[in-house]
Amino acid sequence: VFVYIPPFAEIRGGAWVVLDASINSSVMEMYAAAGSARGGVLEANGAASVKYRTKDLIETMHRLDDKLRELDIALKQEGLTKQAADEIAEAIENRERALLPVYEQISVQFCELHDTPGRMKAVGVIRQEVEWKTARSFFYWRLRRKLAEFDLRRKIIDAAQVGRAIRTPTPLEASDMIRQWFMASPGMTTAKWEDDKIMLQWMGQNHQLLENKVVAFTQECVAQEVALVMTAGGNTARVGTKGIVEGIERALATMT
């Protein structure tokens, strides 16, 4: 499942929860158009109202605004009359009131920066940015690559289902095995693994090699299962060994 946020589109709230790739990362991937796409549980205005309230904005004003900093220093001077203190306090209040709309806009813009494609990629929410003009070609090759990869990892998972003692790899673990085989090939790098065309070409050119690796993995799983049965303690080893011998005899009888 590919989820793509096109230019000037947004995914928010309940839609984000439903489409989040973390629901099933083995078969879901999320992408976004570079620049204008946005994504997040809360809209920027909502996030700013929750994370950056008025009191926080006022604290920021007093930290950054030169005029307010001067007024704060003046208010703390010793020997001020009540009238002078009231005038400074009123000036501070007027300055805060004048700056508040500006700082509110800044807080919204700051929250919106967390919803940009670059930020979403940095935190791992999307896999990568995809330009709208190349999206059709990108997803064509991406789909072909994933279908071929899924078929191969299904064979790997089936190969491990030879008994109860062998833990069946997860789809992501099976994909990692394929990646290790790819990286072990001469001239292959992490960048080439991410290139769908190169990956497809490699799978086509090494079809027999991959089949042999799956067969070798199957044999290893069978060998581990037999070894675990025969080396188990107590009655399990005796009964299991007898069962293995009987199974071999039946297979030979069927073959003849």
Protein backbone atom coordinates (compact mmCIF):
# COMPACT_ATOMS: atom_id res chain seq x y z
CA VAL A 1 0.00 0.00 0.00
CA PHE A 2 1.47 3.32 -1.09
CA VAL A 3 0.15 6.49 0.57
CA TYR A 4 1.09 9.64 -1.34
CA ILE A 5 0.34 13.18 -0.19
CA PRO A 6 0.16 15.24 -3.43
CA PRO A 7 1.11 18.92 -3.78
CA PHE A 8 -0.86 21.35 -1.56
CA ALA A 9 -2.67 18.43 0.13
CA GLU A 10 -2.78 17.63 3.84
CA ILE A 11 -3.45 14.55 5.95
CA ARG A 12 -4.77 15.37 9.41
CA GLY A 13 -6.48 13.86 12.42
CA GLY A 14 -8.40 10.63 11.90
CA ALA A 15 -7.20 10.27 8.31
CA TRP A 16 -3.60 10.27 9.55
CA VAL A 17 -4.32 7.50 12.06
CA VAL A 18 -5.90 5.33 9.36
CA LEU A 19 -3.19 5.89 6.73
CA ASP A 20 -0.08 5.90 8.94
CA ALA A 21 2.48 3.46 7.50
CA SER A 22 3.42 2.28 11.00
CA ILE A 23 0.12 0.33 11.09
CA ASN A 24 1.85 -2.38 9.04
CA SER A 25 5.30 -1.26 7.96
CA SER A 26 5.96 -4.52 6.11
CA VAL A 27 3.42 -3.67 3.39
CA MET A 28 2.77 0.08 3.78
CA GLU A 29 4.89 3.03 2.70
CA MET A 30 4.12 6.75 2.88
CA TYR A 31 5.40 9.47 0.55
CA ALA A 32 4.80 13.18 0.12
CA ALA A 33 5.22 15.73 -2.64
CA ALA A 34 8.24 17.93 -2.11
CA GLY A 35 7.61 21.40 -0.73
CA SER A 36 3.88 21.94 -0.42
CA ALA A 37 2.48 18.69 1.04
CA ARG A 38 1.66 18.68 4.76
CA GLY A 39 0.92 15.97 7.29
CA GLY A 40 0.30 15.67 11.01
CA VAL A 41 -2.31 14.71 13.58
CA LEU A 42 -3.10 18.37 14.40
CA GLU A 43 -3.27 21.35 12.07
CA ALA A 44 -0.65 24.02 12.70
CA ASN A 45 -3.21 26.35 14.36
CA GLY A 46 -4.37 23.59 16.68
CA ALA A 47 -0.84 22.53 17.56
CA ALA A 48 0.15 26.13 18.31
CA SER A 49 -2.86 26.65 20.60
CA VAL A 50 -1.93 23.51 22.54
CA LYS A 51 1.86 23.72 22.59
CA TYR A 52 2.37 27.50 22.59
CA ARG A 53 -0.22 29.20 24.74
CA THR A 54 -0.51 32.94 25.39
CA LYS A 55 1.59 32.81 28.55
CA ASP A 56 4.34 31.04 26.58
CA LEU A 57 4.17 33.71 23.89
CA ILE A 58 4.48 36.46 26.49
CA GLU A 59 7.51 34.76 28.03
CA THR A 60 9.07 34.58 24.56
CA MET A 61 8.38 38.28 23.98
CA HIS A 62 10.15 39.24 27.19
CA ARG A 63 13.10 37.07 26.20
CA LEU A 64 13.49 38.37 22.65
CA ASP A 65 12.03 41.89 22.38
CA ASP A 66 14.51 44.65 23.22
CA LYS A 67 11.80 47.13 24.25
CA LEU A 68 10.23 44.71 26.72
CA ARG A 69 13.62 43.77 28.13
CA GLU A 70 14.35 47.45 28.78
CA LEU A 71 10.96 47.90 30.46
CA ASP A 72 11.53 44.81 32.63
CA ILE A 73 14.86 46.26 33.82
CA ALA A 74 13.28 49.63 34.50
CA LEU A 75 10.46 48.02 36.51
CA LYS A 76 12.98 46.28 38.77
CA GLN A 77 14.85 49.47 39.69
CA GLU A 78 14.80 50.45 43.33
CA GLY A 79 13.16 53.62 44.51
CA LEU A 80 10.40 53.72 41.89
CA THR A 81 7.28 55.60 42.86
CA LYS A 82 3.94 53.84 42.54
CA GLN A 83 2.98 56.13 39.67
CA ALA A 84 6.21 55.38 37.78
CA ALA A 85 5.78 51.63 38.34
CA ASP A 86 2.19 51.77 37.11
CA GLU A 87 3.25 53.66 33.99
CA ILE A 88 5.97 51.07 33.21
CA ALA A 89 3.54 48.21 33.84
CA GLU A 90 1.02 49.83 31.48
CA ALA A 91 3.73 50.28 28.83
CA ILE A 92 4.63 46.58 29.17
CA GLU A 93 0.98 45.57 28.81
CA ASN A 94 0.55 47.76 25.73
CA ARG A 95 3.72 46.33 24.18
CA GLU A 96 2.58 42.76 24.84
CA ARG A 97 -0.81 43.50 23.30
CA ALA A 98 0.81 44.96 20.20
CA LEU A 99 3.21 42.05 19.75
CA LEU A 100 0.78 39.22 20.50
CA PRO A 101 -0.75 38.90 16.97
CA VAL A 102 2.73 38.80 15.43
CA TYR A 103 3.97 36.14 17.83
CA GLU A 104 0.82 34.09 17.31
CA GLN A 105 1.52 34.00 13.57
CA ILE A 106 5.13 33.06 14.24
CA SER A 107 4.06 30.19 16.52
CA VAL A 108 1.73 28.84 13.81
CA GLN A 109 4.51 29.03 11.22
CA PHE A 110 6.87 27.30 13.63
CA CYS A 111 4.39 24.44 14.17
CA GLU A 112 3.81 24.18 10.42
CA LEU A 113 7.53 23.55 9.90
CA HIS A 114 7.06 20.24 11.74
CA ASP A 115 4.53 19.13 9.08
CA THR A 116 6.72 19.71 6.01
CA PRO A 117 7.95 16.76 3.90
CA GLY A 118 11.54 17.36 4.97
CA ARG A 119 10.64 17.16 8.63
CA MET A 120 8.36 14.15 8.09
CA LYS A 121 11.21 12.32 6.41
CA ALA A 122 13.63 13.29 9.20
CA VAL A 123 11.41 11.70 11.86
CA GLY A 124 10.70 8.62 9.73
CA VAL A 125 7.01 9.31 9.03
CA ILE A 126 7.46 9.18 5.25
CA ARG A 127 9.97 7.14 3.29
CA GLN A 128 10.97 9.97 0.95
CA GLU A 129 9.81 13.02 -0.96
CA VAL A 130 8.51 12.36 -4.49
CA GLU A 131 8.13 15.10 -7.08
CA TRP A 132 4.65 15.25 -8.59
CA LYS A 133 5.96 15.28 -12.16
CA THR A 134 7.86 12.00 -11.64
CA ALA A 135 5.36 10.31 -9.30
CA ARG A 136 3.78 8.03 -11.93
CA SER A 137 7.13 6.64 -13.07
CA PHE A 138 8.42 6.33 -9.50
CA PHE A 139 5.45 4.32 -8.26
CA TYR A 140 5.45 2.10 -11.36
CA TRP A 141 8.98 0.91 -10.66
CA ARG A 142 8.41 0.87 -6.92
CA LEU A 143 5.39 -1.41 -7.30
CA ARG A 144 7.21 -3.80 -9.63
CA ARG A 145 10.12 -4.01 -7.21
CA LYS A 146 7.93 -4.61 -4.14
CA LEU A 147 5.87 -7.31 -5.87
CA ALA A 148 9.04 -9.18 -6.83
CA GLU A 149 10.48 -8.70 -3.34
CA PHE A 150 7.25 -9.90 -1.69
CA ASP A 151 7.23 -13.05 -3.84
CA LEU A 152 10.81 -13.89 -2.83
CA ARG A 153 10.29 -13.20 0.86
CA ARG A 154 7.15 -15.38 0.83
CA LYS A 155 9.36 -18.26 -0.32
CA ILE A 156 11.77 -17.51 2.53
CA ILE A 157 8.95 -17.50 5.09
CA ASP A 158 7.50 -20.75 3.71
CA ALA A 159 10.94 -22.36 3.87
CA ALA A 160 11.09 -21.83 7.63
CA GLN A 161 7.73 -23.48 8.29
CA VAL A 162 9.15 -27.00 8.61
CA GLY A 163 8.41 -27.54 12.30
CA ARG A 164 7.64 -25.97 15.62
CA ALA A 165 11.25 -25.48 16.74
CA ILE A 166 12.24 -23.05 13.97
CA ARG A 167 11.00 -19.48 14.38
CA THR A 168 9.46 -18.23 11.16
CA PRO A 169 11.00 -14.91 10.08
CA THR A 170 8.75 -11.88 9.89
CA PRO A 171 8.22 -10.21 6.50
CA LEU A 172 10.66 -7.45 7.46
CA GLU A 173 13.27 -10.02 8.55
CA ALA A 174 12.82 -11.84 5.24
CA SER A 175 13.34 -8.56 3.38
CA ASP A 176 16.50 -7.99 5.43
CA MET A 177 17.80 -11.41 4.31
CA ILE A 178 17.23 -10.39 0.69
CA ARG A 179 19.08 -7.15 1.39
CA GLN A 180 22.04 -9.08 2.81
CA TRP A 181 22.15 -11.26 -0.32
CA PHE A 182 22.02 -8.12 -2.46
CA MET A 183 24.79 -6.36 -0.54
CA ALA A 184 26.96 -9.49 -0.78
CA SER A 185 26.90 -9.25 -4.58
CA PRO A 186 29.92 -7.53 -6.19
CA GLY A 187 29.51 -3.80 -6.70
CA MET A 188 26.25 -3.46 -4.79
CA THR A 189 25.79 -0.62 -2.29
CA THR A 190 23.10 0.78 -0.02
CA ALA A 191 22.29 3.45 -2.62
CA LYS A 192 21.75 0.77 -5.27
CA TRP A 193 19.51 -1.20 -2.91
CA GLU A 194 17.24 1.85 -2.75
CA ASP A 195 17.17 2.11 -6.57
CA ASP A 196 14.15 0.07 -7.69
CA LYS A 197 15.35 -0.40 -11.28
CA ILE A 198 18.76 -1.72 -10.19
CA MET A 199 17.14 -4.02 -7.64
CA LEU A 200 14.77 -5.48 -10.26
CA GLN A 201 17.62 -5.94 -12.71
CA TRP A 202 19.67 -7.72 -10.04
CA MET A 203 16.80 -10.09 -9.22
CA GLY A 204 16.30 -10.89 -12.89
CA GLN A 205 19.97 -11.55 -13.52
CA ASN A 206 20.38 -13.65 -10.36
CA HIS A 207 17.16 -15.65 -10.46
CA GLN A 208 18.91 -19.02 -10.18
CA LEU A 209 21.22 -17.76 -7.44
CA LEU A 210 18.24 -16.61 -5.39
CA GLU A 211 16.46 -19.93 -5.90
CA ASN A 212 19.58 -21.73 -4.69
CA LYS A 213 19.75 -19.51 -1.61
CA VAL A 214 16.13 -20.27 -0.77
CA VAL A 215 16.83 -24.00 -1.15
CA ALA A 216 19.91 -23.68 1.06
CA PHE A 217 17.88 -21.81 3.66
CA THR A 218 15.21 -24.54 3.55
CA GLN A 219 17.85 -27.22 4.07
CA GLU A 220 19.30 -25.28 7.01
CA CYS A 221 15.86 -25.00 8.62
CA VAL A 222 15.27 -28.75 8.19
CA ALA A 223 18.72 -29.53 9.62
CA GLN A 224 18.05 -27.31 12.64
CA GLU A 225 14.67 -28.93 13.23
CA VAL A 226 16.16 -32.44 13.11
CA ALA A 227 19.07 -31.45 15.35
CA LEU A 228 16.74 -29.90 17.93
CA VAL A 229 14.52 -32.98 17.97
CA MET A 230 17.39 -35.45 18.30
CA THR A 231 19.23 -33.46 21.00
CA ALA A 232 16.18 -32.69 23.12
CA GLY A 233 16.21 -34.08 26.63
CA GLY A 234 14.18 -36.94 28.06
CA ASN A 235 11.60 -38.87 26.08
CA THR A 236 11.39 -36.21 23.37
CA ALA A 237 14.73 -37.18 21.81
CA ARG A 238 13.90 -40.90 21.69
CA VAL A 239 10.41 -40.47 20.29
CA GLY A 240 11.51 -37.71 17.92
CA THR A 241 14.43 -39.72 16.54
CA LYS A 242 12.19 -42.70 15.98
CA GLY A 243 9.69 -40.46 14.21
CA ILE A 244 12.41 -39.08 11.91
CA VAL A 245 13.56 -42.58 10.95
CA GLU A 246 9.99 -43.69 10.33
CA GLY A 247 9.37 -40.64 8.19
CA ILE A 248 12.44 -41.37 6.07
CA GLU A 249 11.27 -44.95 5.60
CA ARG A 250 7.85 -43.81 4.45
CA ALA A 251 9.37 -41.34 2.03
CA LEU A 252 11.65 -44.02 0.56
CA ALA A 253 8.74 -46.41 0.22
CA THR A 254 6.75 -43.76 -1.64
CA MET A 255 9.67 -43.04 -3.95
CA THR A 256 10.07 -46.70 -4.86
